């Protein structure tokens, strides 16, 4: 499983930049995260619908996969140098 994440790091980066940020002005994932983390009673996480949670999952998954691949690569290269 570790090799899968290491080998596909470039694919995860491309997916993060395209799907993870689309639409680009402003980046959609940033707006959704701001919506979850704060806002007033009408725009905060309390007002989110199931489609909004699916949207976070859709736009956030490439970022999570990319971060996992970067962390695994960093820790495996650190273990080889020790």
Protein backbone atom coordinates (compact mmCIF):
# COMPACT_ATOMS: atom_id res chain seq x y z
CA UNK A 1 0.00 0.00 0.00
CA UNK A 2 2.88 2.38 0.75
CA UNK A 3 4.30 1.84 -2.72
CA UNK A 4 0.93 2.75 -4.26
CA UNK A 5 0.98 6.13 -2.55
CA UNK A 6 4.64 6.75 -3.36
CA UNK A 7 4.34 5.82 -7.03
CA UNK A 8 1.20 7.89 -7.63
CA UNK A 9 2.32 11.10 -5.91
CA UNK A 10 2.39 13.01 -9.23
CA UNK A 11 -1.10 11.83 -10.11
CA UNK A 12 -2.36 12.96 -6.69
CA UNK A 13 -0.69 16.36 -7.17
CA UNK A 14 -2.34 16.84 -10.57
CA UNK A 15 -5.70 15.79 -9.15
CA UNK A 16 -5.26 18.19 -6.24
CA UNK A 17 -4.48 21.13 -8.49
CA UNK A 18 -7.30 20.40 -10.93
CA UNK A 19 -10.18 18.75 -9.08
CA UNK A 20 -9.09 19.87 -5.63
CA UNK A 21 -9.10 23.57 -6.49
CA UNK A 22 -11.83 23.75 -9.14
CA UNK A 23 -13.53 26.20 -9.62
CA UNK A 24 -10.43 28.30 -9.29
CA UNK A 25 -11.59 31.81 -8.38
CA UNK A 26 -11.66 31.50 -5.38
CA UNK A 27 -10.56 27.89 -4.85
CA UNK A 28 -13.70 25.95 -4.05
CA UNK A 29 -12.19 23.82 -1.29
CA UNK A 30 -11.01 26.95 0.54
CA UNK A 31 -14.53 28.37 0.51
CA UNK A 32 -16.01 25.11 1.77
CA UNK A 33 -13.46 24.84 4.59
CA UNK A 34 -14.18 28.42 5.62
CA UNK A 35 -17.86 27.55 5.59
CA UNK A 36 -17.28 24.59 7.92
CA UNK A 37 -14.88 26.39 10.27
CA UNK A 38 -16.86 29.54 10.81
CA UNK A 39 -19.35 31.97 9.53
CA UNK A 40 -22.65 33.08 10.91
CA UNK A 41 -25.66 30.92 11.70
CA UNK A 42 -26.79 30.98 8.07
CA UNK A 43 -23.50 30.03 6.45
CA UNK A 44 -21.78 27.92 9.10
CA UNK A 45 -21.59 24.13 9.20
CA UNK A 46 -25.07 24.04 10.73
CA UNK A 47 -26.56 25.12 7.40
CA UNK A 48 -24.71 22.50 5.34
CA UNK A 49 -26.71 20.03 3.31
CA UNK A 50 -25.65 16.44 2.47
CA UNK A 51 -24.54 17.61 -0.98
CA UNK A 52 -22.12 20.06 0.69
CA UNK A 53 -20.48 17.25 2.64
CA UNK A 54 -20.17 15.21 -0.56
CA UNK A 55 -18.62 18.27 -2.21
CA UNK A 56 -16.00 18.49 0.57
CA UNK A 57 -15.27 14.79 0.13
CA UNK A 58 -14.95 15.16 -3.64
CA UNK A 59 -12.66 18.19 -3.57
CA UNK A 60 -10.72 17.14 -0.46
CA UNK A 61 -9.84 13.55 -1.33
CA UNK A 62 -7.05 14.42 -3.79
CA UNK A 63 -5.42 16.63 -1.15
CA UNK A 64 -5.59 13.89 1.48
CA UNK A 65 -4.09 11.34 -0.91
CA UNK A 66 -1.32 13.76 -1.90
CA UNK A 67 -0.47 14.54 1.74
CA UNK A 68 -0.35 10.84 2.61
CA UNK A 69 2.01 10.18 -0.29
CA UNK A 70 4.29 13.07 0.70
CA UNK A 71 4.41 11.99 4.36
CA UNK A 72 5.15 8.37 3.43
CA UNK A 73 7.91 9.49 1.07
CA UNK A 74 9.48 11.78 3.66
CA UNK A 75 9.43 9.17 6.40
CA UNK A 76 10.74 6.40 4.16
CA UNK A 77 13.64 8.55 2.95
CA UNK A 78 14.39 9.59 6.53
CA UNK A 79 14.43 5.95 7.64
CA UNK A 80 16.89 5.07 4.86
CA UNK A 81 19.36 7.77 5.94
CA UNK A 82 19.34 6.70 9.63
